[in-house]
Amino acid sequence: MWKGSVSNTNPPVPLDSLPVFDTDTFRRGLPAVPGGKTPYPEKPIIICKKEAAVPKALKPVLAALAMLVIAPVLTVAAGKRRFRRKVAEDIHRMFADQPGPRVMGAVPEYLPEPVRRYLEYAMPLGPRPVSRVRLTQRGEICLDTGQPWIPVAAEQQFAVNRPGFVWSARAKVSPFLWIDARDRYDHGTGNMLIRLWSAFTLADVSGPEMDVSSLLRWLSEAVWFPEALLPGEHLSWEAADDTSARAIVRDSGISASLVFHFAENGAVESMVTTERYRDENGSLIRRPWTLRVWNWGDRDGVRIPVEGTAEWNLPDEDFVYFKAKIEDIRYGE
């Protein structure tokens, strides 16, 4: 006997006495019996259900829970579409009756010296026939003093030959929390719309104070398309001193002004006004405001500032609430 083998002293079993292998019975998971017969009834046998049935009493509860999850998602998705459509409609309306490019000549000699020096610095090749501008920017916004900075990505379009702009931006508070904003000015009307998750309105500000503030925003940001700062139907200049001058903009019966401060080489350093309105606890209060710009670069034949900050000059502090950098800018006739 080989080491490790098992001894079997029982007599061998005849082959014809072994149970017959019944394939059908085996497939049903039942033991075979001799002769290929089975005592079990010939009908389907269910071993186990794959899914447990949901009790009828729970179905309304589960449906309600599903709606609590799905409804906000659908609301936000619909809000995004409505917000994008509103921005597109505002842009279309702004350009619908936009005047064509002006016939541009040389920078007028009669302008205050710092203004003439700036326009020649900003347009070294002379004025271009531009009527619209589109830019994208990234930056940060601070909603109130003492609050953290929030990343912002924005796109803005400008009308050049008559004041107008549409600015749309998204501030990402967290990966799942964002605020969409749309600021605009067109035909004497300004409006700021702010929505949570694109769908729930947090603010919708309009009125005379907003009209003036939005017109001033267009004037301050015209350093990105200096052709708009040439004197004409909507804009004039007044001398101040050797390094500053006042720009006055008029549109649709309203007017506003900014004092531009210039560097020795002609570049704008800052713009200051006392005519903008700030939202303070639901009331629009007139406050001094400053836009500072720097990092001038060449873009499509003009020199423009690529970076800047906006601040409120409050009685107790200068509150810098926005800082941004232009990523791309395009000009069109």
C-alpha atoms as a PDB file:
ATOM      1  CA  MET A   1       0.000   0.000   0.000  1.00  0.00           C
ATOM      2  CA  TRP A   2       1.305   3.393  -0.968  1.00  0.00           C
ATOM      3  CA  LYS A   3       2.036   5.703   1.862  1.00  0.00           C
ATOM      4  CA  GLY A   4      -0.853   8.113   2.302  1.00  0.00           C
ATOM      5  CA  SER A   5      -3.473   5.960   0.499  1.00  0.00           C
ATOM      6  CA  VAL A   6      -6.809   5.085   2.100  1.00  0.00           C
ATOM      7  CA  SER A   7      -7.851   1.522   2.538  1.00  0.00           C
ATOM      8  CA  ASN A   8     -11.409   0.575   1.537  1.00  0.00           C
ATOM      9  CA  THR A   9     -12.573  -2.809   2.793  1.00  0.00           C
ATOM     10  CA  ASN A  10     -16.203  -2.478   1.603  1.00  0.00           C
ATOM     11  CA  PRO A  11     -17.265  -4.592  -1.405  1.00  0.00           C
ATOM     12  CA  PRO A  12     -17.637  -2.735  -4.748  1.00  0.00           C
ATOM     13  CA  VAL A  13     -21.093  -1.327  -5.680  1.00  0.00           C
ATOM     14  CA  PRO A  14     -22.567  -2.474  -9.033  1.00  0.00           C
ATOM     15  CA  LEU A  15     -22.791   0.406 -11.578  1.00  0.00           C
ATOM     16  CA  ASP A  16     -26.435  -0.298 -12.465  1.00  0.00           C
ATOM     17  CA  SER A  17     -27.458   0.346  -8.859  1.00  0.00           C
ATOM     18  CA  LEU A  18     -26.152   3.997  -8.852  1.00  0.00           C
ATOM     19  CA  PRO A  19     -28.674   6.868  -9.190  1.00  0.00           C
ATOM     20  CA  VAL A  20     -29.294   8.094 -12.700  1.00  0.00           C
ATOM     21  CA  PHE A  21     -28.103  11.712 -13.294  1.00  0.00           C
ATOM     22  CA  ASP A  22     -31.232  13.721 -14.092  1.00  0.00           C
ATOM     23  CA  THR A  23     -30.137  16.970 -15.853  1.00  0.00           C
ATOM     24  CA  ASP A  24     -33.466  18.759 -15.457  1.00  0.00           C
ATOM     25  CA  THR A  25     -33.685  17.943 -11.792  1.00  0.00           C
ATOM     26  CA  PHE A  26     -30.089  18.951 -11.246  1.00  0.00           C
ATOM     27  CA  ARG A  27     -30.716  22.269 -13.015  1.00  0.00           C
ATOM     28  CA  ARG A  28     -33.495  22.964 -10.535  1.00  0.00           C
ATOM     29  CA  GLY A  29     -31.143  22.282  -7.662  1.00  0.00           C
ATOM     30  CA  LEU A  30     -32.984  19.083  -6.557  1.00  0.00           C
ATOM     31  CA  PRO A  31     -31.380  15.752  -5.634  1.00  0.00           C
ATOM     32  CA  ALA A  32     -31.662  12.918  -8.148  1.00  0.00           C
ATOM     33  CA  VAL A  33     -33.281   9.591  -7.266  1.00  0.00           C
ATOM     34  CA  PRO A  34     -32.665   6.092  -8.668  1.00  0.00           C
ATOM     35  CA  GLY A  35     -34.290   5.366 -12.021  1.00  0.00           C
ATOM     36  CA  GLY A  36     -34.287   9.005 -13.150  1.00  0.00           C
ATOM     37  CA  LYS A  37     -37.583   9.654 -11.382  1.00  0.00           C
ATOM     38  CA  THR A  38     -38.334  12.562  -9.095  1.00  0.00           C
ATOM     39  CA  PRO A  39     -40.988  12.781  -6.422  1.00  0.00           C
ATOM     40  CA  TYR A  40     -41.205  16.548  -6.901  1.00  0.00           C
ATOM     41  CA  PRO A  41     -43.950  18.166  -9.002  1.00  0.00           C
ATOM     42  CA  GLU A  42     -42.988  19.345 -12.485  1.00  0.00           C
ATOM     43  CA  LYS A  43     -43.468  23.118 -12.014  1.00  0.00           C
ATOM     44  CA  PRO A  44     -41.095  26.062 -11.731  1.00  0.00           C
ATOM     45  CA  ILE A  45     -39.362  26.303  -8.423  1.00  0.00           C
ATOM     46  CA  ILE A  46     -38.260  29.743  -7.190  1.00  0.00           C
ATOM     47  CA  ILE A  47     -35.224  29.492  -4.994  1.00  0.00           C
ATOM     48  CA  CYS A  48     -34.887  33.210  -4.102  1.00  0.00           C
ATOM     49  CA  LYS A  49     -36.249  36.516  -5.388  1.00  0.00           C
ATOM     50  CA  LYS A  50     -33.629  38.863  -6.772  1.00  0.00           C
ATOM     51  CA  GLU A  51     -35.368  42.013  -5.478  1.00  0.00           C
ATOM     52  CA  ALA A  52     -37.545  42.384  -2.458  1.00  0.00           C
ATOM     53  CA  ALA A  53     -40.943  43.931  -3.089  1.00  0.00           C
ATOM     54  CA  VAL A  54     -41.440  47.465  -1.762  1.00  0.00           C
ATOM     55  CA  PRO A  55     -44.283  47.620   0.713  1.00  0.00           C
ATOM     56  CA  LYS A  56     -47.162  49.682  -0.641  1.00  0.00           C
ATOM     57  CA  ALA A  57     -47.096  51.951   2.387  1.00  0.00           C
ATOM     58  CA  LEU A  58     -43.511  52.998   1.607  1.00  0.00           C
ATOM     59  CA  LYS A  59     -44.044  53.875  -2.042  1.00  0.00           C
ATOM     60  CA  PRO A  60     -45.448  57.408  -1.426  1.00  0.00           C
ATOM     61  CA  VAL A  61     -42.607  58.095   1.001  1.00  0.00           C
ATOM     62  CA  LEU A  62     -39.956  56.997  -1.497  1.00  0.00           C
ATOM     63  CA  ALA A  63     -41.604  59.023  -4.246  1.00  0.00           C
ATOM     64  CA  ALA A  64     -41.555  62.115  -2.038  1.00  0.00           C
ATOM     65  CA  LEU A  65     -37.880  61.571  -1.214  1.00  0.00           C
ATOM     66  CA  ALA A  66     -37.083  61.201  -4.904  1.00  0.00           C
ATOM     67  CA  MET A  67     -38.854  64.469  -5.646  1.00  0.00           C
ATOM     68  CA  LEU A  68     -36.900  66.196  -2.876  1.00  0.00           C
ATOM     69  CA  VAL A  69     -33.705  65.173  -4.646  1.00  0.00           C
ATOM     70  CA  ILE A  70     -34.787  65.630  -8.266  1.00  0.00           C
ATOM     71  CA  ALA A  71     -36.789  68.864  -7.972  1.00  0.00           C
ATOM     72  CA  PRO A  72     -33.867  71.079  -6.833  1.00  0.00           C
ATOM     73  CA  VAL A  73     -31.632  69.630  -9.564  1.00  0.00           C
ATOM     74  CA  LEU A  74     -34.252  70.384 -12.214  1.00  0.00           C
ATOM     75  CA  THR A  75     -34.822  73.861 -10.754  1.00  0.00           C
ATOM     76  CA  VAL A  76     -31.121  74.708 -10.886  1.00  0.00           C
ATOM     77  CA  ALA A  77     -30.778  73.347 -14.435  1.00  0.00           C
ATOM     78  CA  ALA A  78     -33.764  75.400 -15.580  1.00  0.00           C
ATOM     79  CA  GLY A  79     -32.368  78.441 -13.747  1.00  0.00           C
ATOM     80  CA  LYS A  80     -29.059  78.141 -15.606  1.00  0.00           C
ATOM     81  CA  ARG A  81     -30.852  78.082 -18.951  1.00  0.00           C
ATOM     82  CA  ARG A  82     -33.019  81.085 -18.063  1.00  0.00           C
ATOM     83  CA  PHE A  83     -30.020  83.062 -16.807  1.00  0.00           C
ATOM     84  CA  ARG A  84     -27.990  82.400 -19.959  1.00  0.00           C
ATOM     85  CA  ARG A  85     -30.980  83.288 -22.116  1.00  0.00           C
ATOM     86  CA  LYS A  86     -31.505  86.553 -20.245  1.00  0.00           C
ATOM     87  CA  VAL A  87     -27.857  87.548 -20.697  1.00  0.00           C
ATOM     88  CA  ALA A  88     -28.045  86.733 -24.418  1.00  0.00           C
ATOM     89  CA  GLU A  89     -31.213  88.812 -24.775  1.00  0.00           C
ATOM     90  CA  ASP A  90     -29.597  91.770 -22.988  1.00  0.00           C
ATOM     91  CA  ILE A  91     -26.596  91.623 -25.313  1.00  0.00           C
ATOM     92  CA  HIS A  92     -28.779  91.401 -28.418  1.00  0.00           C
ATOM     93  CA  ARG A  93     -30.898  94.342 -27.273  1.00  0.00           C
ATOM     94  CA  MET A  94     -27.827  96.472 -26.534  1.00  0.00           C
ATOM     95  CA  PHE A  95     -26.372  96.002 -30.007  1.00  0.00           C
ATOM     96  CA  ALA A  96     -29.681  96.107 -31.892  1.00  0.00           C
ATOM     97  CA  ASP A  97     -29.445  99.848 -32.606  1.00  0.00           C
ATOM     98  CA  GLN A  98     -25.775 100.455 -31.837  1.00  0.00           C
ATOM     99  CA  PRO A  99     -24.318 103.217 -34.048  1.00  0.00           C
ATOM    100  CA  GLY A 100     -21.667 102.120 -36.513  1.00  0.00           C
ATOM    101  CA  PRO A 101     -17.988 102.956 -36.075  1.00  0.00           C
ATOM    102  CA  ARG A 102     -17.192 106.670 -35.965  1.00  0.00           C
ATOM    103  CA  VAL A 103     -14.963 108.303 -38.522  1.00  0.00           C
ATOM    104  CA  MET A 104     -11.828 108.731 -36.465  1.00  0.00           C
ATOM    105  CA  GLY A 105      -9.204 111.388 -37.001  1.00  0.00           C
ATOM    106  CA  ALA A 106      -6.174 112.386 -35.001  1.00  0.00           C
ATOM    107  CA  VAL A 107      -6.373 113.116 -31.293  1.00  0.00           C
ATOM    108  CA  PRO A 108      -7.683 116.707 -31.008  1.00  0.00           C
ATOM    109  CA  GLU A 109      -5.082 119.287 -30.034  1.00  0.00           C
ATOM    110  CA  TYR A 110      -7.557 121.279 -27.905  1.00  0.00           C
ATOM    111  CA  LEU A 111      -7.884 118.540 -25.254  1.00  0.00           C
ATOM    112  CA  PRO A 112      -6.306 119.083 -21.815  1.00  0.00           C
ATOM    113  CA  GLU A 113      -2.615 118.154 -21.992  1.00  0.00           C
ATOM    114  CA  PRO A 114      -2.770 115.041 -19.747  1.00  0.00           C
ATOM    115  CA  VAL A 115      -5.770 113.725 -21.725  1.00  0.00           C
ATOM    116  CA  ARG A 116      -4.081 114.250 -25.079  1.00  0.00           C
ATOM    117  CA  ARG A 117      -0.919 112.603 -23.761  1.00  0.00           C
ATOM    118  CA  TYR A 118      -2.952 109.617 -22.526  1.00  0.00           C
ATOM    119  CA  LEU A 119      -4.864 109.119 -25.801  1.00  0.00           C
ATOM    120  CA  GLU A 120      -1.656 109.242 -27.820  1.00  0.00           C
ATOM    121  CA  TYR A 121      -0.054 106.738 -25.441  1.00  0.00           C
ATOM    122  CA  ALA A 122      -3.091 104.402 -25.539  1.00  0.00           C
ATOM    123  CA  MET A 123      -3.546 104.597 -29.329  1.00  0.00           C
ATOM    124  CA  PRO A 124      -0.034 104.788 -30.810  1.00  0.00           C
ATOM    125  CA  LEU A 125      -1.373 103.860 -34.265  1.00  0.00           C
ATOM    126  CA  GLY A 126      -4.311 106.243 -34.010  1.00  0.00           C
ATOM    127  CA  PRO A 127      -8.011 105.573 -33.319  1.00  0.00           C
ATOM    128  CA  ARG A 128      -9.561 102.437 -34.823  1.00  0.00           C
ATOM    129  CA  PRO A 129     -13.124 101.986 -36.188  1.00  0.00           C
ATOM    130  CA  VAL A 130     -14.328  99.953 -33.197  1.00  0.00           C
ATOM    131  CA  SER A 131     -17.970  99.654 -32.134  1.00  0.00           C
ATOM    132  CA  ARG A 132     -18.036  96.588 -29.845  1.00  0.00           C
ATOM    133  CA  VAL A 133     -15.741  94.820 -27.382  1.00  0.00           C
ATOM    134  CA  ARG A 134     -15.811  91.402 -25.743  1.00  0.00           C
ATOM    135  CA  LEU A 135     -13.528  90.362 -22.892  1.00  0.00           C
ATOM    136  CA  THR A 136     -13.100  87.642 -20.306  1.00  0.00           C
ATOM    137  CA  GLN A 137     -11.592  88.128 -16.880  1.00  0.00           C
ATOM    138  CA  ARG A 138     -10.801  86.255 -13.682  1.00  0.00           C
ATOM    139  CA  GLY A 139     -10.456  87.659 -10.235  1.00  0.00           C
ATOM    140  CA  GLU A 140     -11.848  87.740  -6.728  1.00  0.00           C
ATOM    141  CA  ILE A 141     -14.698  89.556  -5.024  1.00  0.00           C
ATOM    142  CA  CYS A 142     -15.295  90.400  -1.372  1.00  0.00           C
ATOM    143  CA  LEU A 143     -18.982  90.838  -0.583  1.00  0.00           C
ATOM    144  CA  ASP A 144     -18.468  92.934   2.563  1.00  0.00           C
ATOM    145  CA  THR A 145     -15.778  94.198   4.895  1.00  0.00           C
ATOM    146  CA  GLY A 146     -14.209  91.378   6.888  1.00  0.00           C
ATOM    147  CA  GLN A 147     -15.525  88.688   4.524  1.00  0.00           C
ATOM    148  CA  PRO A 148     -13.323  86.201   2.622  1.00  0.00           C
ATOM    149  CA  TRP A 149     -12.376  86.576  -1.038  1.00  0.00           C
ATOM    150  CA  ILE A 150     -14.420  84.513  -3.520  1.00  0.00           C
ATOM    151  CA  PRO A 151     -13.086  83.469  -6.959  1.00  0.00           C
ATOM    152  CA  VAL A 152     -14.913  85.022  -9.912  1.00  0.00           C
ATOM    153  CA  ALA A 153     -14.907  84.314 -13.645  1.00  0.00           C
ATOM    154  CA  ALA A 154     -16.665  86.830 -15.894  1.00  0.00           C
ATOM    155  CA  GLU A 155     -17.446  87.740 -19.475  1.00  0.00           C
ATOM    156  CA  GLN A 156     -18.322  91.267 -20.545  1.00  0.00           C
ATOM    157  CA  GLN A 157     -19.441  92.947 -23.749  1.00  0.00           C
ATOM    158  CA  PHE A 158     -19.346  96.698 -24.402  1.00  0.00           C
ATOM    159  CA  ALA A 159     -20.948  99.066 -26.844  1.00  0.00           C
ATOM    160  CA  VAL A 160     -18.318 101.674 -27.750  1.00  0.00           C
ATOM    161  CA  ASN A 161     -20.047 104.488 -29.624  1.00  0.00           C
ATOM    162  CA  ARG A 162     -22.989 104.771 -27.258  1.00  0.00           C
ATOM    163  CA  PRO A 163     -22.590 103.790 -23.570  1.00  0.00           C
ATOM    164  CA  GLY A 164     -23.626 100.216 -22.895  1.00  0.00           C
ATOM    165  CA  PHE A 165     -22.339  96.978 -21.378  1.00  0.00           C
ATOM    166  CA  VAL A 166     -23.461  93.542 -20.180  1.00  0.00           C
ATOM    167  CA  TRP A 167     -21.343  91.800 -17.551  1.00  0.00           C
ATOM    168  CA  SER A 168     -22.099  88.214 -16.494  1.00  0.00           C
ATOM    169  CA  ALA A 169     -20.085  86.485 -13.787  1.00  0.00           C
ATOM    170  CA  ARG A 170     -20.028  83.447 -11.539  1.00  0.00           C
ATOM    171  CA  ALA A 171     -18.618  83.531  -8.017  1.00  0.00           C
ATOM    172  CA  LYS A 172     -17.737  80.045  -6.697  1.00  0.00           C
ATOM    173  CA  VAL A 173     -18.291  80.086  -2.942  1.00  0.00           C
ATOM    174  CA  SER A 174     -17.620  76.309  -2.839  1.00  0.00           C
ATOM    175  CA  PRO A 175     -17.738  73.435  -5.360  1.00  0.00           C
ATOM    176  CA  PHE A 176     -21.500  73.093  -4.875  1.00  0.00           C
ATOM    177  CA  LEU A 177     -22.382  76.694  -4.043  1.00  0.00           C
ATOM    178  CA  TRP A 178     -22.178  79.494  -6.575  1.00  0.00           C
ATOM    179  CA  ILE A 179     -23.661  82.917  -7.249  1.00  0.00           C
ATOM    180  CA  ASP A 180     -24.422  84.232 -10.732  1.00  0.00           C
ATOM    181  CA  ALA A 181     -24.452  87.987 -11.348  1.00  0.00           C
ATOM    182  CA  ARG A 182     -25.460  90.087 -14.315  1.00  0.00           C
ATOM    183  CA  ASP A 183     -24.734  93.821 -14.377  1.00  0.00           C
ATOM    184  CA  ARG A 184     -25.809  95.942 -17.337  1.00  0.00           C
ATOM    185  CA  TYR A 185     -26.322  99.444 -18.686  1.00  0.00           C
ATOM    186  CA  ASP A 186     -28.276 100.270 -21.825  1.00  0.00           C
ATOM    187  CA  HIS A 187     -30.208 103.334 -23.009  1.00  0.00           C
ATOM    188  CA  GLY A 188     -30.015 105.103 -19.662  1.00  0.00           C
ATOM    189  CA  THR A 189     -31.009 102.078 -17.567  1.00  0.00           C
ATOM    190  CA  GLY A 190     -28.782 100.160 -15.184  1.00  0.00           C
ATOM    191  CA  ASN A 191     -29.624  96.907 -13.444  1.00  0.00           C
ATOM    192  CA  MET A 192     -27.809  94.439 -11.193  1.00  0.00           C
ATOM    193  CA  LEU A 193     -29.246  90.919 -10.944  1.00  0.00           C
ATOM    194  CA  ILE A 194     -27.802  88.366  -8.490  1.00  0.00           C
ATOM    195  CA  ARG A 195     -28.991  84.767  -8.233  1.00  0.00           C
ATOM    196  CA  LEU A 196     -28.030  81.835  -6.022  1.00  0.00           C
ATOM    197  CA  TRP A 197     -27.434  78.631  -8.033  1.00  0.00           C
ATOM    198  CA  SER A 198     -28.543  80.613 -11.105  1.00  0.00           C
ATOM    199  CA  ALA A 199     -32.159  80.148 -10.014  1.00  0.00           C
ATOM    200  CA  PHE A 200     -32.994  81.976  -6.772  1.00  0.00           C
ATOM    201  CA  THR A 201     -32.929  85.771  -6.899  1.00  0.00           C
ATOM    202  CA  LEU A 202     -30.924  87.398  -4.124  1.00  0.00           C
ATOM    203  CA  ALA A 203     -30.983  90.935  -5.548  1.00  0.00           C
ATOM    204  CA  ASP A 204     -32.514  92.745  -8.503  1.00  0.00           C
ATOM    205  CA  VAL A 205     -31.483  96.399  -8.189  1.00  0.00           C
ATOM    206  CA  SER A 206     -32.615  99.178 -10.494  1.00  0.00           C
ATOM    207  CA  GLY A 207     -33.578 102.837 -10.299  1.00  0.00           C
ATOM    208  CA  PRO A 208     -31.953 106.260 -10.792  1.00  0.00           C
ATOM    209  CA  GLU A 209     -29.043 105.499  -8.447  1.00  0.00           C
ATOM    210  CA  MET A 210     -28.308 102.305 -10.339  1.00  0.00           C
ATOM    211  CA  ASP A 211     -28.532 104.121 -13.670  1.00  0.00           C
ATOM    212  CA  VAL A 212     -25.828 106.616 -12.658  1.00  0.00           C
ATOM    213  CA  SER A 213     -23.607 103.939 -11.060  1.00  0.00           C
ATOM    214  CA  SER A 214     -23.780 101.722 -14.144  1.00  0.00           C
ATOM    215  CA  LEU A 215     -23.036 104.624 -16.486  1.00  0.00           C
ATOM    216  CA  LEU A 216     -19.974 105.413 -14.359  1.00  0.00           C
ATOM    217  CA  ARG A 217     -18.866 101.813 -14.586  1.00  0.00           C
ATOM    218  CA  TRP A 218     -18.923 102.029 -18.395  1.00  0.00           C
ATOM    219  CA  LEU A 219     -16.898 105.257 -18.281  1.00  0.00           C
ATOM    220  CA  SER A 220     -14.250 103.842 -15.920  1.00  0.00           C
ATOM    221  CA  GLU A 221     -13.852 100.659 -17.956  1.00  0.00           C
ATOM    222  CA  ALA A 222     -13.526 102.574 -21.232  1.00  0.00           C
ATOM    223  CA  VAL A 223      -9.744 102.461 -20.668  1.00  0.00           C
ATOM    224  CA  TRP A 224     -10.067  98.987 -22.275  1.00  0.00           C
ATOM    225  CA  PHE A 225     -11.332 100.598 -25.508  1.00  0.00           C
ATOM    226  CA  PRO A 226      -9.786 104.103 -25.553  1.00  0.00           C
ATOM    227  CA  GLU A 227     -11.634 105.180 -28.726  1.00  0.00           C
ATOM    228  CA  ALA A 228     -14.668 105.712 -26.471  1.00  0.00           C
ATOM    229  CA  LEU A 229     -12.712 108.361 -24.536  1.00  0.00           C
ATOM    230  CA  LEU A 230     -12.353 110.654 -27.534  1.00  0.00           C
ATOM    231  CA  PRO A 231     -14.633 113.696 -27.236  1.00  0.00           C
ATOM    232  CA  GLY A 232     -17.954 113.339 -28.996  1.00  0.00           C
ATOM    233  CA  GLU A 233     -21.717 113.203 -28.565  1.00  0.00           C
ATOM    234  CA  HIS A 234     -21.543 111.304 -25.271  1.00  0.00           C
ATOM    235  CA  LEU A 235     -18.237 112.441 -23.763  1.00  0.00           C
ATOM    236  CA  SER A 236     -16.316 115.623 -22.974  1.00  0.00           C
ATOM    237  CA  TRP A 237     -13.251 116.559 -20.913  1.00  0.00           C
ATOM    238  CA  GLU A 238     -12.509 119.341 -18.433  1.00  0.00           C
ATOM    239  CA  ALA A 239      -9.015 120.317 -17.339  1.00  0.00           C
ATOM    240  CA  ALA A 240      -8.063 119.831 -13.693  1.00  0.00           C
ATOM    241  CA  ASP A 241      -4.260 120.048 -13.343  1.00  0.00           C
ATOM    242  CA  ASP A 242      -1.088 118.759 -14.972  1.00  0.00           C
ATOM    243  CA  THR A 243      -1.750 115.133 -14.047  1.00  0.00           C
ATOM    244  CA  SER A 244      -5.554 114.841 -13.940  1.00  0.00           C
ATOM    245  CA  ALA A 245      -8.720 115.751 -15.828  1.00  0.00           C
ATOM    246  CA  ARG A 246     -12.456 115.211 -15.477  1.00  0.00           C
ATOM    247  CA  ALA A 247     -14.380 113.101 -18.012  1.00  0.00           C
ATOM    248  CA  ILE A 248     -18.120 113.788 -18.277  1.00  0.00           C
ATOM    249  CA  VAL A 249     -20.401 111.201 -19.892  1.00  0.00           C
ATOM    250  CA  ARG A 250     -23.985 111.889 -21.005  1.00  0.00           C
ATOM    251  CA  ASP A 251     -26.588 109.429 -22.189  1.00  0.00           C
ATOM    252  CA  SER A 252     -30.385 109.301 -22.313  1.00  0.00           C
ATOM    253  CA  GLY A 253     -30.807 112.401 -20.173  1.00  0.00           C
ATOM    254  CA  ILE A 254     -28.411 111.450 -17.374  1.00  0.00           C
ATOM    255  CA  SER A 255     -24.776 112.420 -16.817  1.00  0.00           C
ATOM    256  CA  ALA A 256     -21.918 111.399 -14.547  1.00  0.00           C
ATOM    257  CA  SER A 257     -18.228 112.196 -14.194  1.00  0.00           C
ATOM    258  CA  LEU A 258     -14.892 110.679 -13.207  1.00  0.00           C
ATOM    259  CA  VAL A 259     -11.562 112.318 -12.432  1.00  0.00           C
ATOM    260  CA  PHE A 260      -8.755 110.505 -14.287  1.00  0.00           C
ATOM    261  CA  HIS A 261      -5.264 110.579 -12.778  1.00  0.00           C
ATOM    262  CA  PHE A 262      -2.364 110.039 -15.203  1.00  0.00           C
ATOM    263  CA  ALA A 263       1.260 108.921 -14.895  1.00  0.00           C
ATOM    264  CA  GLU A 264       4.126 110.835 -16.504  1.00  0.00           C
ATOM    265  CA  ASN A 265       4.160 108.535 -19.539  1.00  0.00           C
ATOM    266  CA  GLY A 266       0.449 109.170 -20.139  1.00  0.00           C
ATOM    267  CA  ALA A 267      -0.975 105.936 -18.718  1.00  0.00           C
ATOM    268  CA  VAL A 268      -4.040 106.146 -16.460  1.00  0.00           C
ATOM    269  CA  GLU A 269      -3.257 105.262 -12.840  1.00  0.00           C
ATOM    270  CA  SER A 270      -6.657 105.665 -11.224  1.00  0.00           C
ATOM    271  CA  MET A 271     -10.180 107.041 -11.650  1.00  0.00           C
ATOM    272  CA  VAL A 272     -12.132 108.613  -8.798  1.00  0.00           C
ATOM    273  CA  THR A 273     -15.742 109.695  -8.366  1.00  0.00           C
ATOM    274  CA  THR A 274     -18.100 110.733  -5.568  1.00  0.00           C
ATOM    275  CA  GLU A 275     -21.200 109.922  -7.621  1.00  0.00           C
ATOM    276  CA  ARG A 276     -21.497 106.133  -7.310  1.00  0.00           C
ATOM    277  CA  TYR A 277     -23.975 104.464  -4.963  1.00  0.00           C
ATOM    278  CA  ARG A 278     -23.235 101.578  -2.611  1.00  0.00           C
ATOM    279  CA  ASP A 279     -25.793  99.144  -1.208  1.00  0.00           C
ATOM    280  CA  GLU A 280     -25.671  99.432   2.585  1.00  0.00           C
ATOM    281  CA  ASN A 281     -28.261  97.381   4.453  1.00  0.00           C
ATOM    282  CA  GLY A 282     -30.733  97.635   1.601  1.00  0.00           C
ATOM    283  CA  SER A 283     -30.255 101.377   1.015  1.00  0.00           C
ATOM    284  CA  LEU A 284     -28.221 102.939  -1.810  1.00  0.00           C
ATOM    285  CA  ILE A 285     -25.778 105.433  -0.299  1.00  0.00           C
ATOM    286  CA  ARG A 286     -23.577 107.768  -2.335  1.00  0.00           C
ATOM    287  CA  ARG A 287     -19.918 107.011  -1.560  1.00  0.00           C
ATOM    288  CA  PRO A 288     -16.502 107.936  -3.000  1.00  0.00           C
ATOM    289  CA  TRP A 289     -15.226 105.195  -5.292  1.00  0.00           C
ATOM    290  CA  THR A 290     -11.847 104.484  -6.930  1.00  0.00           C
ATOM    291  CA  LEU A 291     -10.712 102.202  -9.732  1.00  0.00           C
ATOM    292  CA  ARG A 292      -6.947 101.594  -9.876  1.00  0.00           C
ATOM    293  CA  VAL A 293      -5.343 100.045 -12.982  1.00  0.00           C
ATOM    294  CA  TRP A 294      -1.846  98.848 -13.919  1.00  0.00           C
ATOM    295  CA  ASN A 295       0.134  96.310 -15.936  1.00  0.00           C
ATOM    296  CA  TRP A 296      -0.376  98.002 -19.289  1.00  0.00           C
ATOM    297  CA  GLY A 297       0.030  95.847 -22.386  1.00  0.00           C
ATOM    298  CA  ASP A 298      -0.426  95.997 -26.155  1.00  0.00           C
ATOM    299  CA  ARG A 299      -3.669  94.510 -27.454  1.00  0.00           C
ATOM    300  CA  ASP A 300      -4.694  94.768 -31.097  1.00  0.00           C
ATOM    301  CA  GLY A 301      -3.006  98.113 -31.694  1.00  0.00           C
ATOM    302  CA  VAL A 302      -3.907  99.799 -28.398  1.00  0.00           C
ATOM    303  CA  ARG A 303      -2.383  99.884 -24.918  1.00  0.00           C
ATOM    304  CA  ILE A 304      -4.694  98.929 -22.090  1.00  0.00           C
ATOM    305  CA  PRO A 305      -4.343  98.049 -18.384  1.00  0.00           C
ATOM    306  CA  VAL A 306      -4.670  94.306 -17.819  1.00  0.00           C
ATOM    307  CA  GLU A 307      -5.111  94.349 -14.039  1.00  0.00           C
ATOM    308  CA  GLY A 308      -7.080  96.485 -11.620  1.00  0.00           C
ATOM    309  CA  THR A 309      -8.906  96.828  -8.321  1.00  0.00           C
ATOM    310  CA  ALA A 310     -12.118  98.590  -7.331  1.00  0.00           C
ATOM    311  CA  GLU A 311     -12.603 100.093  -3.898  1.00  0.00           C
ATOM    312  CA  TRP A 312     -15.076 102.047  -1.812  1.00  0.00           C
ATOM    313  CA  ASN A 313     -13.488 104.953   0.045  1.00  0.00           C
ATOM    314  CA  LEU A 314     -15.472 104.693   3.269  1.00  0.00           C
ATOM    315  CA  PRO A 315     -15.119 107.090   6.206  1.00  0.00           C
ATOM    316  CA  ASP A 316     -13.084 104.602   8.248  1.00  0.00           C
ATOM    317  CA  GLU A 317     -11.251 102.642   5.565  1.00  0.00           C
ATOM    318  CA  ASP A 318     -10.660 102.034   1.869  1.00  0.00           C
ATOM    319  CA  PHE A 319     -12.550  98.818   1.199  1.00  0.00           C
ATOM    320  CA  VAL A 320     -11.087  96.970  -1.806  1.00  0.00           C
ATOM    321  CA  TYR A 321     -13.884  94.673  -2.906  1.00  0.00           C
ATOM    322  CA  PHE A 322     -12.916  93.544  -6.410  1.00  0.00           C
ATOM    323  CA  LYS A 323      -9.672  92.662  -8.149  1.00  0.00           C
ATOM    324  CA  ALA A 324      -9.400  91.172 -11.619  1.00  0.00           C
ATOM    325  CA  LYS A 325      -7.161  90.447 -14.568  1.00  0.00           C
ATOM    326  CA  ILE A 326      -8.191  90.407 -18.219  1.00  0.00           C
ATOM    327  CA  GLU A 327      -7.594  87.022 -19.832  1.00  0.00           C
ATOM    328  CA  ASP A 328      -8.739  87.846 -23.354  1.00  0.00           C
ATOM    329  CA  ILE A 329     -10.132  90.858 -25.215  1.00  0.00           C
ATOM    330  CA  ARG A 330     -11.547  91.130 -28.745  1.00  0.00           C
ATOM    331  CA  TYR A 331     -12.572  94.196 -30.753  1.00  0.00           C
ATOM    332  CA  GLY A 332     -15.168  94.378 -33.503  1.00  0.00           C
ATOM    333  CA  GLU A 333     -16.570  96.973 -35.901  1.00  0.00           C
END
